[in-house]
Amino acid sequence: MRYVAFIHHEAGTGYGISFPDFPGCVSIGRSVDEAVHQGCEALAFHFEGLLNNGDVVPSPRTIEDIKADDSLTEWRKDADIVLVPLLLDKGSSKRVNISIDPGLLDAIDEEAKARGMTRSAFLANAARHEIQST
């Protein structure tokens, strides 16, 4: 699931990211990529807070719906629009069975070991990175 976010560039301070479906959910970064990464974390934190409070969690609106919402005209002004994935940690691991080329598996294991990580942690980290950067 991905939510629409606005990225605003603030001269001298970097980039701000905000979510029209979650007013008050904001973050910043020194670059657009960092703002999106920080926004992904802020979105998950905000979403979990709503769930814990029993509040209604809005379904993601499309970019077209956001652009058509006249109440967002000023907020949207001079903003870049990006889609940010909602990645929720559920607090426990789930065992899965996957198929992978043995050469790639060897490379994964070597890299995980070099970073002091388990294979599972390395693959989860790589998957999170790929999801956040698309």
N, C-alpha and C. Protein backbone atom coordinates (compact mmCIF):
# COMPACT_ATOMS: atom_id res chain seq x y z
N MET A 1 0.86 -1.16 0.00
CA MET A 1 0.00 0.00 0.00
C MET A 1 0.91 1.23 0.00
N ARG A 2 0.58 2.20 -0.84
CA ARG A 2 1.36 3.44 -0.94
C ARG A 2 0.45 4.65 -0.76
N TYR A 3 0.98 5.65 -0.05
CA TYR A 3 0.25 6.89 0.19
C TYR A 3 0.93 8.05 -0.53
N VAL A 4 0.11 8.97 -1.00
CA VAL A 4 0.61 10.17 -1.66
C VAL A 4 1.27 11.07 -0.63
N ALA A 5 2.42 11.62 -1.01
CA ALA A 5 3.12 12.58 -0.14
C ALA A 5 3.54 13.77 -0.97
N PHE A 6 3.64 14.91 -0.32
CA PHE A 6 4.15 16.14 -0.95
C PHE A 6 5.57 16.37 -0.45
N ILE A 7 6.45 16.71 -1.37
CA ILE A 7 7.82 17.08 -1.02
C ILE A 7 7.97 18.55 -1.34
N HIS A 8 8.35 19.31 -0.33
CA HIS A 8 8.62 20.75 -0.51
C HIS A 8 10.09 21.00 -0.23
N HIS A 9 10.72 21.78 -1.09
CA HIS A 9 12.12 22.15 -0.87
C HIS A 9 12.16 23.47 -0.12
N GLU A 10 12.85 23.46 0.99
CA GLU A 10 13.01 24.66 1.81
C GLU A 10 14.46 25.09 1.69
N ALA A 11 14.70 26.21 1.05
CA ALA A 11 16.07 26.69 0.84
C ALA A 11 16.83 26.75 2.17
N GLY A 12 17.99 26.12 2.18
CA GLY A 12 18.84 26.14 3.36
C GLY A 12 18.51 25.11 4.42
N THR A 13 17.33 24.47 4.33
CA THR A 13 16.98 23.49 5.35
C THR A 13 16.75 22.10 4.79
N GLY A 14 16.63 21.96 3.50
CA GLY A 14 16.43 20.64 2.91
C GLY A 14 15.04 20.44 2.37
N TYR A 15 14.52 19.25 2.56
CA TYR A 15 13.25 18.85 1.97
C TYR A 15 12.29 18.38 3.05
N GLY A 16 11.07 18.87 2.99
CA GLY A 16 10.03 18.43 3.90
C GLY A 16 9.08 17.50 3.19
N ILE A 17 8.57 16.52 3.89
CA ILE A 17 7.60 15.59 3.32
C ILE A 17 6.38 15.57 4.22
N SER A 18 5.20 15.58 3.61
CA SER A 18 3.95 15.55 4.36
C SER A 18 2.93 14.72 3.59
N PHE A 19 1.92 14.27 4.30
CA PHE A 19 0.94 13.34 3.74
C PHE A 19 -0.46 13.92 3.83
N PRO A 20 -1.10 14.21 2.70
CA PRO A 20 -2.45 14.79 2.75
C PRO A 20 -3.49 13.87 3.39
N ASP A 21 -3.26 12.55 3.36
CA ASP A 21 -4.20 11.64 4.02
C ASP A 21 -3.96 11.56 5.53
N PHE A 22 -2.82 12.10 5.99
CA PHE A 22 -2.46 12.07 7.41
C PHE A 22 -1.94 13.44 7.84
N PRO A 23 -2.82 14.44 7.94
CA PRO A 23 -2.35 15.76 8.37
C PRO A 23 -1.58 15.65 9.69
N GLY A 24 -0.46 16.34 9.76
CA GLY A 24 0.38 16.28 10.95
C GLY A 24 1.49 15.26 10.86
N CYS A 25 1.43 14.38 9.88
CA CYS A 25 2.50 13.40 9.68
C CYS A 25 3.51 14.03 8.72
N VAL A 26 4.64 14.43 9.27
CA VAL A 26 5.66 15.13 8.48
C VAL A 26 7.04 14.62 8.85
N SER A 27 7.98 14.87 7.97
CA SER A 27 9.37 14.57 8.25
C SER A 27 10.23 15.44 7.33
N ILE A 28 11.54 15.34 7.50
CA ILE A 28 12.46 16.13 6.69
C ILE A 28 13.65 15.27 6.27
N GLY A 29 14.39 15.78 5.29
CA GLY A 29 15.62 15.13 4.86
C GLY A 29 16.50 16.13 4.14
N ARG A 30 17.79 15.81 4.08
CA ARG A 30 18.73 16.70 3.37
C ARG A 30 18.60 16.56 1.86
N SER A 31 18.03 15.45 1.40
CA SER A 31 17.80 15.21 -0.03
C SER A 31 16.38 14.66 -0.19
N VAL A 32 15.93 14.59 -1.43
CA VAL A 32 14.60 14.03 -1.68
C VAL A 32 14.57 12.57 -1.22
N ASP A 33 15.63 11.81 -1.56
CA ASP A 33 15.67 10.40 -1.17
C ASP A 33 15.61 10.24 0.35
N GLU A 34 16.36 11.07 1.07
CA GLU A 34 16.35 10.98 2.52
C GLU A 34 14.98 11.38 3.07
N ALA A 35 14.36 12.38 2.48
CA ALA A 35 13.03 12.80 2.93
C ALA A 35 12.02 11.67 2.73
N VAL A 36 12.11 10.96 1.61
CA VAL A 36 11.20 9.85 1.36
C VAL A 36 11.45 8.73 2.37
N HIS A 37 12.72 8.43 2.62
CA HIS A 37 13.05 7.39 3.60
C HIS A 37 12.51 7.77 4.98
N GLN A 38 12.76 9.00 5.40
CA GLN A 38 12.27 9.46 6.70
C GLN A 38 10.74 9.50 6.71
N GLY A 39 10.16 9.88 5.57
CA GLY A 39 8.70 9.91 5.46
C GLY A 39 8.09 8.53 5.59
N CYS A 40 8.78 7.53 5.06
CA CYS A 40 8.31 6.15 5.17
C CYS A 40 8.24 5.74 6.65
N GLU A 41 9.26 6.09 7.40
CA GLU A 41 9.27 5.78 8.83
C GLU A 41 8.20 6.57 9.58
N ALA A 42 8.05 7.85 9.24
CA ALA A 42 7.03 8.67 9.90
C ALA A 42 5.63 8.14 9.60
N LEU A 43 5.40 7.73 8.36
CA LEU A 43 4.10 7.19 7.97
C LEU A 43 3.77 5.94 8.78
N ALA A 44 4.73 5.02 8.89
CA ALA A 44 4.49 3.79 9.66
C ALA A 44 4.20 4.11 11.13
N PHE A 45 4.97 5.04 11.71
CA PHE A 45 4.77 5.43 13.11
C PHE A 45 3.38 6.05 13.31
N HIS A 46 3.00 6.95 12.39
CA HIS A 46 1.69 7.61 12.48
C HIS A 46 0.56 6.59 12.32
N PHE A 47 0.70 5.71 11.36
CA PHE A 47 -0.30 4.68 11.08
C PHE A 47 -0.49 3.78 12.30
N GLU A 48 0.62 3.33 12.90
CA GLU A 48 0.53 2.48 14.08
C GLU A 48 -0.12 3.21 15.25
N GLY A 49 0.16 4.51 15.38
CA GLY A 49 -0.48 5.30 16.42
C GLY A 49 -1.99 5.35 16.24
N LEU A 50 -2.43 5.54 15.01
CA LEU A 50 -3.87 5.56 14.75
C LEU A 50 -4.50 4.21 15.10
N LEU A 51 -3.84 3.13 14.68
CA LEU A 51 -4.36 1.79 14.99
C LEU A 51 -4.45 1.56 16.50
N ASN A 52 -3.38 1.93 17.21
CA ASN A 52 -3.35 1.74 18.67
C ASN A 52 -4.42 2.54 19.39
N ASN A 53 -4.77 3.71 18.83
CA ASN A 53 -5.79 4.56 19.43
C ASN A 53 -7.20 4.18 19.01
N GLY A 54 -7.31 3.21 18.10
CA GLY A 54 -8.62 2.81 17.61
C GLY A 54 -9.23 3.80 16.64
N ASP A 55 -8.39 4.70 16.09
CA ASP A 55 -8.88 5.70 15.15
C ASP A 55 -9.07 5.09 13.76
N VAL A 56 -9.84 5.76 12.95
CA VAL A 56 -10.07 5.34 11.58
C VAL A 56 -8.81 5.62 10.77
N VAL A 57 -8.37 4.63 10.03
CA VAL A 57 -7.19 4.78 9.18
C VAL A 57 -7.69 4.95 7.74
N PRO A 58 -7.35 6.08 7.13
CA PRO A 58 -7.84 6.32 5.77
C PRO A 58 -7.20 5.40 4.75
N SER A 59 -7.99 5.00 3.78
CA SER A 59 -7.44 4.26 2.64
C SER A 59 -6.64 5.24 1.80
N PRO A 60 -5.62 4.76 1.12
CA PRO A 60 -4.83 5.69 0.31
C PRO A 60 -5.65 6.22 -0.86
N ARG A 61 -5.55 7.53 -1.07
CA ARG A 61 -6.18 8.14 -2.23
C ARG A 61 -5.21 8.11 -3.40
N THR A 62 -5.74 8.17 -4.59
CA THR A 62 -4.89 8.21 -5.79
C THR A 62 -4.32 9.62 -5.97
N ILE A 63 -3.30 9.70 -6.78
CA ILE A 63 -2.74 11.00 -7.11
C ILE A 63 -3.81 11.87 -7.76
N GLU A 64 -4.63 11.28 -8.61
CA GLU A 64 -5.70 12.04 -9.27
C GLU A 64 -6.69 12.60 -8.25
N ASP A 65 -7.04 11.80 -7.25
CA ASP A 65 -7.96 12.27 -6.21
C ASP A 65 -7.34 13.42 -5.41
N ILE A 66 -6.05 13.29 -5.11
CA ILE A 66 -5.35 14.35 -4.37
C ILE A 66 -5.32 15.64 -5.19
N LYS A 67 -5.02 15.52 -6.48
CA LYS A 67 -4.97 16.71 -7.34
C LYS A 67 -6.34 17.35 -7.50
N ALA A 68 -7.39 16.54 -7.43
CA ALA A 68 -8.75 17.07 -7.60
C ALA A 68 -9.31 17.68 -6.32
N ASP A 69 -8.65 17.47 -5.19
CA ASP A 69 -9.13 17.97 -3.90
C ASP A 69 -8.76 19.45 -3.76
N ASP A 70 -9.75 20.31 -3.94
CA ASP A 70 -9.51 21.76 -3.89
C ASP A 70 -9.01 22.23 -2.53
N SER A 71 -9.31 21.50 -1.46
CA SER A 71 -8.84 21.92 -0.14
C SER A 71 -7.33 21.76 0.01
N LEU A 72 -6.69 21.06 -0.92
CA LEU A 72 -5.24 20.84 -0.85
C LEU A 72 -4.46 21.76 -1.79
N THR A 73 -5.14 22.67 -2.46
CA THR A 73 -4.49 23.51 -3.47
C THR A 73 -3.27 24.24 -2.93
N GLU A 74 -3.40 24.89 -1.80
CA GLU A 74 -2.27 25.64 -1.24
C GLU A 74 -1.17 24.70 -0.76
N TRP A 75 -1.55 23.62 -0.12
CA TRP A 75 -0.59 22.64 0.39
C TRP A 75 0.23 22.03 -0.75
N ARG A 76 -0.44 21.78 -1.89
CA ARG A 76 0.19 21.18 -3.07
C ARG A 76 1.11 22.13 -3.81
N LYS A 77 0.93 23.44 -3.60
CA LYS A 77 1.64 24.46 -4.37
C LYS A 77 3.16 24.24 -4.28
N ASP A 78 3.80 24.19 -5.43
CA ASP A 78 5.25 24.03 -5.56
C ASP A 78 5.77 22.71 -4.99
N ALA A 79 4.90 21.74 -4.78
CA ALA A 79 5.32 20.45 -4.22
C ALA A 79 5.53 19.42 -5.33
N ASP A 80 6.50 18.56 -5.11
CA ASP A 80 6.62 17.35 -5.91
C ASP A 80 5.74 16.31 -5.23
N ILE A 81 5.13 15.44 -6.01
CA ILE A 81 4.27 14.41 -5.48
C ILE A 81 4.97 13.07 -5.63
N VAL A 82 5.03 12.32 -4.54
CA VAL A 82 5.63 10.98 -4.55
C VAL A 82 4.68 10.01 -3.86
N LEU A 83 4.85 8.75 -4.16
CA LEU A 83 4.11 7.69 -3.46
C LEU A 83 5.07 7.04 -2.47
N VAL A 84 4.63 6.92 -1.22
CA VAL A 84 5.46 6.37 -0.16
C VAL A 84 4.83 5.06 0.32
N PRO A 85 5.63 3.99 0.36
CA PRO A 85 5.08 2.71 0.81
C PRO A 85 4.86 2.69 2.31
N LEU A 86 3.81 2.01 2.73
CA LEU A 86 3.55 1.79 4.14
C LEU A 86 4.16 0.44 4.51
N LEU A 87 5.21 0.46 5.30
CA LEU A 87 5.89 -0.75 5.74
C LEU A 87 5.74 -0.88 7.25
N LEU A 88 4.93 -1.82 7.67
CA LEU A 88 4.68 -2.02 9.10
C LEU A 88 5.45 -3.23 9.61
N ASP A 89 6.20 -3.03 10.68
CA ASP A 89 6.85 -4.15 11.35
C ASP A 89 5.81 -4.78 12.27
N LYS A 90 5.66 -6.08 12.15
CA LYS A 90 4.66 -6.78 12.97
C LYS A 90 5.27 -7.45 14.19
N GLY A 91 6.57 -7.21 14.43
CA GLY A 91 7.18 -7.64 15.67
C GLY A 91 7.68 -9.07 15.74
N SER A 92 7.45 -9.86 14.72
CA SER A 92 7.95 -11.23 14.75
C SER A 92 8.29 -11.65 13.33
N SER A 93 9.15 -12.64 13.24
CA SER A 93 9.55 -13.15 11.93
C SER A 93 8.65 -14.31 11.53
N LYS A 94 8.54 -14.50 10.24
CA LYS A 94 7.77 -15.62 9.72
C LYS A 94 8.68 -16.43 8.81
N ARG A 95 8.75 -17.70 9.06
CA ARG A 95 9.58 -18.59 8.25
C ARG A 95 8.94 -18.76 6.88
N VAL A 96 9.75 -18.61 5.83
CA VAL A 96 9.26 -18.80 4.46
C VAL A 96 10.24 -19.67 3.69
N ASN A 97 9.76 -20.25 2.63
CA ASN A 97 10.59 -21.08 1.77
C ASN A 97 10.69 -20.38 0.42
N ILE A 98 11.91 -20.05 -0.01
CA ILE A 98 12.09 -19.39 -1.29
C ILE A 98 13.09 -20.19 -2.13
N SER A 99 13.04 -19.98 -3.43
CA SER A 99 14.01 -20.57 -4.35
C SER A 99 14.90 -19.46 -4.86
N ILE A 100 16.21 -19.72 -4.91
CA ILE A 100 17.16 -18.70 -5.33
C ILE A 100 18.38 -19.38 -5.95
N ASP A 101 18.97 -18.74 -6.91
CA ASP A 101 20.16 -19.27 -7.57
C ASP A 101 21.27 -19.49 -6.53
N PRO A 102 21.93 -20.64 -6.56
CA PRO A 102 22.98 -20.92 -5.57
C PRO A 102 24.13 -19.91 -5.56
N GLY A 103 24.48 -19.39 -6.72
CA GLY A 103 25.54 -18.38 -6.77
C GLY A 103 25.12 -17.09 -6.09
N LEU A 104 23.88 -16.70 -6.30
CA LEU A 104 23.36 -15.50 -5.64
C LEU A 104 23.28 -15.73 -4.14
N LEU A 105 22.87 -16.93 -3.74
CA LEU A 105 22.78 -17.24 -2.31
C LEU A 105 24.16 -17.16 -1.66
N ASP A 106 25.19 -17.66 -2.34
CA ASP A 106 26.55 -17.56 -1.81
C ASP A 106 26.95 -16.09 -1.63
N ALA A 107 26.62 -15.25 -2.63
CA ALA A 107 26.96 -13.82 -2.55
C ALA A 107 26.20 -13.16 -1.40
N ILE A 108 24.95 -13.52 -1.21
CA ILE A 108 24.15 -12.98 -0.11
C ILE A 108 24.78 -13.36 1.23
N ASP A 109 25.12 -14.62 1.36
CA ASP A 109 25.71 -15.09 2.61
C ASP A 109 27.04 -14.40 2.91
N GLU A 110 27.87 -14.23 1.89
CA GLU A 110 29.16 -13.54 2.07
C GLU A 110 28.94 -12.09 2.51
N GLU A 111 28.03 -11.41 1.84
CA GLU A 111 27.77 -10.00 2.17
C GLU A 111 27.15 -9.86 3.56
N ALA A 112 26.22 -10.75 3.88
CA ALA A 112 25.60 -10.71 5.21
C ALA A 112 26.66 -10.92 6.28
N LYS A 113 27.54 -11.89 6.08
CA LYS A 113 28.61 -12.16 7.06
C LYS A 113 29.53 -10.96 7.20
N ALA A 114 29.89 -10.33 6.07
CA ALA A 114 30.77 -9.16 6.10
C ALA A 114 30.14 -8.01 6.87
N ARG A 115 28.83 -7.93 6.87
CA ARG A 115 28.11 -6.86 7.58
C ARG A 115 27.68 -7.26 8.98
N GLY A 116 28.01 -8.48 9.38
CA GLY A 116 27.63 -8.94 10.71
C GLY A 116 26.13 -9.20 10.83
N MET A 117 25.52 -9.64 9.73
CA MET A 117 24.08 -9.86 9.71
C MET A 117 23.79 -11.32 9.42
N THR A 118 22.59 -11.75 9.76
CA THR A 118 22.13 -13.06 9.33
C THR A 118 21.63 -12.94 7.90
N ARG A 119 21.49 -14.08 7.24
CA ARG A 119 20.93 -14.09 5.89
C ARG A 119 19.52 -13.48 5.90
N SER A 120 18.71 -13.86 6.87
CA SER A 120 17.34 -13.34 6.95
C SER A 120 17.32 -11.83 7.13
N ALA A 121 18.17 -11.33 8.01
CA ALA A 121 18.22 -9.88 8.24
C ALA A 121 18.68 -9.15 6.98
N PHE A 122 19.67 -9.71 6.31
CA PHE A 122 20.17 -9.09 5.08
C PHE A 122 19.07 -9.04 4.02
N LEU A 123 18.38 -10.16 3.82
CA LEU A 123 17.31 -10.19 2.81
C LEU A 123 16.16 -9.25 3.16
N ALA A 124 15.80 -9.19 4.44
CA ALA A 124 14.72 -8.28 4.86
C ALA A 124 15.15 -6.83 4.63
N ASN A 125 16.38 -6.51 4.97
CA ASN A 125 16.90 -5.16 4.77
C ASN A 125 16.92 -4.80 3.29
N ALA A 126 17.38 -5.73 2.45
CA ALA A 126 17.43 -5.49 1.01
C ALA A 126 16.02 -5.30 0.44
N ALA A 127 15.08 -6.12 0.89
CA ALA A 127 13.69 -5.99 0.40
C ALA A 127 13.10 -4.65 0.82
N ARG A 128 13.32 -4.25 2.07
CA ARG A 128 12.81 -2.97 2.55
C ARG A 128 13.38 -1.82 1.71
N HIS A 129 14.68 -1.89 1.44
CA HIS A 129 15.34 -0.86 0.63
C HIS A 129 14.72 -0.78 -0.76
N GLU A 130 14.50 -1.91 -1.38
CA GLU A 130 13.93 -1.94 -2.73
C GLU A 130 12.51 -1.40 -2.74
N ILE A 131 11.72 -1.75 -1.75
CA ILE A 131 10.34 -1.27 -1.70
C ILE A 131 10.30 0.24 -1.49
N GLN A 132 11.18 0.74 -0.63
CA GLN A 132 11.21 2.18 -0.34
C GLN A 132 11.72 3.01 -1.52
N SER A 133 12.55 2.42 -2.36
CA SER A 133 13.16 3.21 -3.43
C SER A 133 12.43 3.13 -4.76
N THR A 134 11.27 2.49 -4.79
CA THR A 134 10.52 2.45 -6.05
C THR A 134 9.40 3.44 -6.06
